[in-house]
Amino acid sequence: MSKEGERVTFAVIGGSQAHKFIQGGHISRERLGSRETPFGPCGVIYLAKAKEASFYFLPRHGEKSYSIGAPFVNYRANIYALKELGVKRILAWSGPGALSRKFSPGDLVIVDDLLDETKTRQTSFFQSRGLGFIRQNPVFCPTLRSVLKEVLEEVGTHFIPGGTYVATEGPRLETPAEVRKFALLGGDFVGQTVVPEVFLARELEMCYAVLCYVTNFAEGIVEREFREGVLFEGLSTKQEQAEVAKALNLFPEIMLQVAGRLPQVENICHCQESMLRYKKRGDIGENWREWLVP
């Protein structure tokens, strides 16, 4: 409970380095474990507790290390499980690479648009239903983005209020030619998560936004020699990795601040009404679980 008598309706999906957040003891937490869903087991879920607020925390890539690569995450199970817990708003984090030198490792970014370059992922709950023909503008929840912007301003850290995220399949990194293509298409950052999380959340009428921290320059943006046995094989320097660590150190405070504000914030978005057209037509009822039944 975030306050007495009030249900927890906010969740954070942690990206790379999320296991360090769990191990670091930054916030008191209760391990709820995994949950079975119609799409298989979800990732391990925690209930993060603090005086200011409480929220669910799901480390996307595993709780002890980076043990699940981006293309192999059970995204549908994760979103389903959070919905079943009563979550209405999700803030995710992701660590993409920069597609130009306008940005630097360690920069925080509230991305506002998306290019989907994934190939094999299940991007919908409605494979056997005539549902899901949903508008994707704005891509990310304006309510969450607005709160996140306010929090970052008060924390006093530099951040970039917009940008286009390119989601690739992975787990390999992108080629120089792909990086040039993504930049020509209008991309600013390239990563391997966010898709299909954002689309699945919209289908289940949940607000979803993502806070990015730039981890490196994408391949070919700066010249870097291949270095064996180190992170990204030398694509990022020790100084850049230190800047990334500084950014990540801010995340516990950012998450607590967002969680504390959300109960008092009214929606300025339509995320939680995205299936209203189908309800009005009588295609579906109020029980969201039945939407997924063929």
Protein backbone atom coordinates (compact mmCIF):
# COMPACT_ATOMS: atom_id res chain seq x y z
CA MET A 1 0.00 0.00 0.00
CA SER A 2 1.29 3.47 -0.84
CA LYS A 3 -1.03 5.00 1.77
CA GLU A 4 -3.37 3.37 4.22
CA GLY A 5 -6.42 2.05 2.38
CA GLU A 6 -4.97 2.90 -1.02
CA ARG A 7 -4.02 0.24 -3.53
CA VAL A 8 -0.68 0.22 -5.29
CA THR A 9 -1.42 1.11 -8.92
CA PHE A 10 2.04 2.16 -10.11
CA ALA A 11 4.85 -0.10 -11.31
CA VAL A 12 8.41 0.35 -12.50
CA ILE A 13 9.94 -2.00 -15.05
CA GLY A 14 13.68 -1.88 -14.53
CA GLY A 15 16.03 -2.29 -17.46
CA SER A 16 19.76 -2.95 -17.52
CA GLN A 17 21.31 -2.71 -14.05
CA ALA A 18 17.94 -3.26 -12.37
CA HIS A 19 19.39 -6.19 -10.44
CA LYS A 20 21.80 -3.75 -8.79
CA PHE A 21 18.84 -1.70 -7.60
CA ILE A 22 17.46 -4.83 -5.91
CA GLN A 23 20.79 -5.83 -4.41
CA GLY A 24 21.75 -2.32 -3.32
CA GLY A 25 19.15 -1.88 -0.61
CA HIS A 26 18.19 1.62 -1.78
CA ILE A 27 14.53 1.03 -0.95
CA SER A 28 12.90 -1.47 1.39
CA ARG A 29 11.18 -4.17 -0.61
CA GLU A 30 9.21 -7.40 -0.41
CA ARG A 31 9.86 -10.15 -2.94
CA LEU A 32 6.52 -11.29 -4.34
CA GLY A 33 8.09 -13.68 -6.83
CA SER A 34 6.88 -14.69 -10.27
CA ARG A 35 3.24 -15.19 -11.25
CA GLU A 36 1.69 -17.61 -13.68
CA THR A 37 -0.23 -16.04 -16.55
CA PRO A 38 -1.93 -17.37 -19.71
CA PHE A 39 1.36 -16.44 -21.47
CA GLY A 40 3.63 -18.28 -19.07
CA PRO A 41 5.43 -17.03 -15.96
CA CYS A 42 6.27 -13.37 -15.62
CA GLY A 43 9.49 -11.97 -14.26
CA VAL A 44 10.04 -11.70 -10.51
CA ILE A 45 8.02 -8.87 -8.97
CA TYR A 46 8.89 -6.88 -5.87
CA LEU A 47 6.82 -4.49 -3.79
CA ALA A 48 9.08 -1.51 -3.13
CA LYS A 49 8.14 0.26 0.09
CA ALA A 50 8.99 3.73 1.34
CA LYS A 51 7.48 6.37 3.57
CA GLU A 52 6.67 8.54 0.55
CA ALA A 53 5.02 5.84 -1.56
CA SER A 54 5.09 2.21 -2.64
CA PHE A 55 5.24 0.66 -6.08
CA TYR A 56 5.74 -2.66 -7.81
CA PHE A 57 9.17 -3.26 -9.30
CA LEU A 58 9.86 -5.80 -12.05
CA PRO A 59 13.48 -6.24 -13.26
CA ARG A 60 13.01 -6.97 -16.95
CA HIS A 61 16.28 -8.82 -17.47
CA GLY A 62 16.40 -10.83 -14.25
CA GLU A 63 16.78 -10.20 -10.53
CA LYS A 64 20.39 -11.34 -9.97
CA SER A 65 22.13 -10.32 -13.19
CA TYR A 66 21.47 -9.48 -16.83
CA SER A 67 20.27 -13.04 -17.41
CA ILE A 68 17.45 -12.55 -19.94
CA GLY A 69 18.29 -10.85 -23.24
CA ALA A 70 15.85 -8.30 -24.66
CA PRO A 71 14.34 -10.53 -27.41
CA PHE A 72 13.69 -13.32 -24.90
CA VAL A 73 11.81 -11.37 -22.21
CA ASN A 74 8.25 -12.62 -21.73
CA TYR A 75 6.73 -9.19 -22.29
CA ARG A 76 3.12 -10.35 -22.49
CA ALA A 77 3.37 -12.23 -19.19
CA ASN A 78 4.97 -9.21 -17.49
CA ILE A 79 2.30 -6.74 -18.60
CA TYR A 80 -0.52 -9.20 -17.88
CA ALA A 81 0.79 -9.84 -14.36
CA LEU A 82 1.07 -6.13 -13.57
CA LYS A 83 -2.46 -5.54 -14.84
CA GLU A 84 -3.70 -8.38 -12.64
CA LEU A 85 -2.06 -6.73 -9.62
CA GLY A 86 -4.12 -3.60 -10.29
CA VAL A 87 -1.40 -1.51 -11.93
CA LYS A 88 -2.68 1.42 -14.01
CA ARG A 89 0.58 3.27 -14.72
CA ILE A 90 3.99 1.90 -15.70
CA LEU A 91 7.29 3.74 -15.84
CA ALA A 92 10.02 1.74 -17.57
CA TRP A 93 13.68 2.45 -18.01
CA SER A 94 15.99 1.60 -20.88
CA GLY A 95 19.64 2.21 -21.75
CA PRO A 96 19.91 2.92 -25.50
CA GLY A 97 22.85 4.10 -27.56
CA ALA A 98 23.00 7.57 -29.13
CA LEU A 99 22.57 7.83 -32.90
CA SER A 100 24.42 11.14 -33.09
CA ARG A 101 26.91 13.23 -31.16
CA LYS A 102 24.13 15.59 -30.09
CA PHE A 103 23.79 13.31 -27.07
CA SER A 104 26.30 11.84 -24.64
CA PRO A 105 26.52 8.77 -22.43
CA GLY A 106 24.87 9.52 -19.10
CA ASP A 107 22.21 11.82 -20.58
CA LEU A 108 18.69 11.25 -19.27
CA VAL A 109 15.96 11.35 -21.90
CA ILE A 110 12.16 11.29 -21.75
CA VAL A 111 11.60 9.88 -25.23
CA ASP A 112 8.34 10.77 -26.98
CA ASP A 113 8.35 8.76 -30.23
CA LEU A 114 9.26 5.32 -31.48
CA LEU A 115 10.44 3.33 -34.50
CA ASP A 116 9.78 -0.41 -34.24
CA GLU A 117 12.54 -2.40 -35.97
CA THR A 118 11.92 -5.66 -34.08
CA LYS A 119 11.18 -8.77 -36.13
CA THR A 120 9.95 -11.75 -34.10
CA ARG A 121 8.27 -10.44 -30.95
CA GLN A 122 4.64 -10.94 -30.00
CA THR A 123 3.40 -7.34 -30.04
CA SER A 124 -0.28 -7.94 -29.29
CA PHE A 125 -2.52 -9.82 -26.85
CA PHE A 126 -5.19 -10.09 -29.55
CA GLN A 127 -3.79 -12.57 -32.07
CA SER A 128 -7.13 -14.37 -32.36
CA ARG A 129 -9.43 -11.36 -31.93
CA GLY A 130 -10.41 -8.48 -34.16
CA LEU A 131 -9.11 -6.04 -31.57
CA GLY A 132 -6.10 -3.79 -31.10
CA PHE A 133 -6.56 -1.36 -34.01
CA ILE A 134 -5.49 1.45 -31.68
CA ARG A 135 -4.07 4.87 -32.42
CA GLN A 136 -0.42 5.31 -31.36
CA ASN A 137 -0.14 9.06 -31.02
CA PRO A 138 1.06 10.01 -28.50
CA VAL A 139 3.17 6.87 -28.23
CA PHE A 140 4.08 7.41 -24.57
CA CYS A 141 1.70 8.55 -21.84
CA PRO A 142 1.56 12.37 -21.55
CA THR A 143 0.51 12.13 -17.89
CA LEU A 144 3.56 10.12 -16.89
CA ARG A 145 5.89 12.16 -19.09
CA SER A 146 4.64 15.37 -17.48
CA VAL A 147 5.19 14.05 -13.95
CA LEU A 148 8.60 12.70 -14.89
CA LYS A 149 9.62 16.06 -16.31
CA GLU A 150 8.57 17.83 -13.10
CA VAL A 151 10.50 15.36 -10.97
CA LEU A 152 13.69 15.67 -13.04
CA GLU A 153 13.48 19.45 -12.88
CA GLU A 154 13.19 19.34 -9.09
CA VAL A 155 15.98 16.80 -8.75
CA GLY A 156 18.04 19.38 -10.63
CA THR A 157 19.60 17.07 -13.17
CA HIS A 158 20.11 17.74 -16.86
CA PHE A 159 17.67 15.87 -19.09
CA ILE A 160 16.39 15.90 -22.66
CA PRO A 161 12.56 16.24 -22.86
CA GLY A 162 12.02 14.31 -26.10
CA GLY A 163 13.50 12.07 -28.75
CA THR A 164 12.77 9.08 -30.97
CA TYR A 165 13.69 5.62 -29.73
CA VAL A 166 14.49 2.93 -32.30
CA ALA A 167 13.78 -0.59 -30.97
CA THR A 168 15.84 -3.36 -32.58
CA GLU A 169 15.60 -7.11 -32.18
CA GLY A 170 18.92 -7.98 -30.55
CA PRO A 171 20.62 -9.50 -28.75
CA ARG A 172 23.44 -8.41 -31.08
CA LEU A 173 24.35 -4.76 -31.36
CA GLU A 174 23.55 -2.88 -34.56
CA THR A 175 25.80 -2.59 -37.61
CA PRO A 176 27.20 0.79 -38.74
CA ALA A 177 24.91 0.71 -41.80
CA GLU A 178 21.86 0.07 -39.60
CA VAL A 179 22.85 2.94 -37.36
CA ARG A 180 23.10 5.27 -40.38
CA LYS A 181 19.69 4.06 -41.59
CA PHE A 182 18.04 4.68 -38.21
CA ALA A 183 19.47 8.20 -38.07
CA LEU A 184 18.21 8.93 -41.60
CA LEU A 185 14.74 7.74 -40.53
CA GLY A 186 14.71 10.27 -37.71
CA GLY A 187 15.88 8.11 -34.82
CA ASP A 188 17.82 9.61 -31.93
CA PHE A 189 18.51 6.54 -29.79
CA VAL A 190 18.71 2.81 -30.45
CA GLY A 191 17.86 0.13 -27.90
CA GLN A 192 16.35 -3.33 -27.65
CA THR A 193 13.49 -2.95 -25.18
CA VAL A 194 10.37 -0.74 -24.94
CA VAL A 195 8.80 -2.78 -27.80
CA PRO A 196 6.43 -4.50 -27.27
CA GLU A 197 5.91 -3.23 -23.70
CA VAL A 198 4.44 0.08 -24.81
CA PHE A 199 1.99 -1.56 -27.25
CA LEU A 200 0.89 -4.25 -24.80
CA ALA A 201 0.28 -1.70 -22.05
CA ARG A 202 -1.91 0.34 -24.40
CA GLU A 203 -3.98 -2.74 -25.26
CA LEU A 204 -4.72 -3.31 -21.57
CA GLU A 205 -5.47 0.40 -21.00
CA MET A 206 -2.39 1.16 -18.91
CA CYS A 207 -0.32 4.33 -18.98
CA TYR A 208 3.27 3.69 -20.05
CA ALA A 209 6.31 5.94 -20.36
CA VAL A 210 10.03 5.30 -20.45
CA LEU A 211 13.02 7.12 -18.99
CA CYS A 212 16.20 6.47 -20.94
CA TYR A 213 19.80 6.89 -19.93
CA VAL A 214 22.23 6.96 -22.84
CA THR A 215 24.77 4.15 -22.38
CA ASN A 216 27.09 4.66 -25.36
CA PHE A 217 27.47 6.04 -28.87
CA ALA A 218 26.00 3.60 -31.38
CA GLU A 219 28.36 1.83 -33.78
CA GLY A 220 30.11 4.21 -36.17
CA ILE A 221 29.15 7.46 -34.42
CA VAL A 222 32.62 7.70 -32.90
CA GLU A 223 35.63 5.58 -33.80
CA ARG A 224 36.46 3.05 -31.10
CA GLU A 225 39.00 0.23 -31.27
CA PHE A 226 37.81 -3.28 -30.51
CA ARG A 227 38.77 -4.29 -26.95
CA GLU A 228 38.42 -7.88 -25.94
CA GLY A 229 36.57 -8.91 -22.82
CA VAL A 230 35.13 -5.54 -21.79
CA LEU A 231 31.64 -4.00 -21.94
CA PHE A 232 30.47 -3.55 -25.54
CA GLU A 233 33.97 -4.66 -26.62
CA GLY A 234 35.27 -1.13 -26.20
CA LEU A 235 32.32 0.81 -27.61
CA SER A 236 32.23 2.92 -24.43
CA THR A 237 35.08 4.39 -22.40
CA LYS A 238 35.61 4.19 -18.65
CA GLN A 239 34.72 7.87 -18.34
CA GLU A 240 31.48 7.33 -20.25
CA GLN A 241 30.65 4.34 -18.05
CA ALA A 242 31.21 6.54 -14.99
CA GLU A 243 28.72 9.09 -16.37
CA VAL A 244 26.18 6.29 -16.91
CA ALA A 245 26.67 5.14 -13.31
CA LYS A 246 25.98 8.68 -12.07
CA ALA A 247 22.72 8.74 -14.00
CA LEU A 248 21.65 5.35 -12.66
CA ASN A 249 22.34 6.45 -9.09
CA LEU A 250 19.51 8.97 -9.48
CA PHE A 251 16.92 6.34 -10.35
CA PRO A 252 15.80 5.30 -6.84
CA GLU A 253 15.02 8.91 -5.93
CA ILE A 254 13.32 9.54 -9.28
CA MET A 255 11.11 6.46 -8.92
CA LEU A 256 10.10 7.39 -5.36
CA GLN A 257 9.29 10.95 -6.38
CA VAL A 258 7.14 9.82 -9.30
CA ALA A 259 5.36 7.20 -7.18
CA GLY A 260 4.63 9.79 -4.49
CA ARG A 261 3.13 12.30 -6.90
CA LEU A 262 0.97 10.05 -9.06
CA PRO A 263 -1.93 9.48 -6.60
CA GLN A 264 -2.65 13.22 -6.69
CA VAL A 265 -2.28 13.58 -10.48
CA GLU A 266 -5.29 13.58 -12.80
CA ASN A 267 -4.86 11.99 -16.20
CA ILE A 268 -4.28 14.28 -19.15
CA CYS A 269 -4.08 11.22 -21.40
CA HIS A 270 -6.45 8.70 -22.99
CA CYS A 271 -4.35 5.63 -22.23
CA GLN A 272 -6.93 4.13 -19.87
CA GLU A 273 -9.69 4.53 -22.46
CA SER A 274 -7.90 3.02 -25.44
CA MET A 275 -10.39 0.13 -25.78
CA LEU A 276 -13.51 2.25 -25.27
CA ARG A 277 -14.56 2.03 -28.93
CA TYR A 278 -14.70 -1.76 -28.70
CA LYS A 279 -16.69 -1.56 -25.46
CA LYS A 280 -19.22 0.83 -26.96
CA ARG A 281 -19.63 -1.48 -29.95
CA GLY A 282 -20.26 -4.43 -27.65
CA ASP A 283 -17.21 -6.37 -28.87
CA ILE A 284 -15.86 -6.59 -25.33
CA GLY A 285 -17.06 -6.01 -21.79
CA GLU A 286 -15.42 -4.52 -18.72
CA ASN A 287 -13.64 -7.75 -17.76
CA TRP A 288 -10.27 -7.29 -19.45
CA ARG A 289 -9.32 -10.94 -18.99
CA GLU A 290 -12.10 -11.94 -21.36
CA TRP A 291 -10.65 -9.71 -24.10
CA LEU A 292 -7.83 -12.19 -24.50
CA VAL A 293 -10.04 -15.26 -24.97
CA PRO A 294 -10.39 -16.33 -28.63
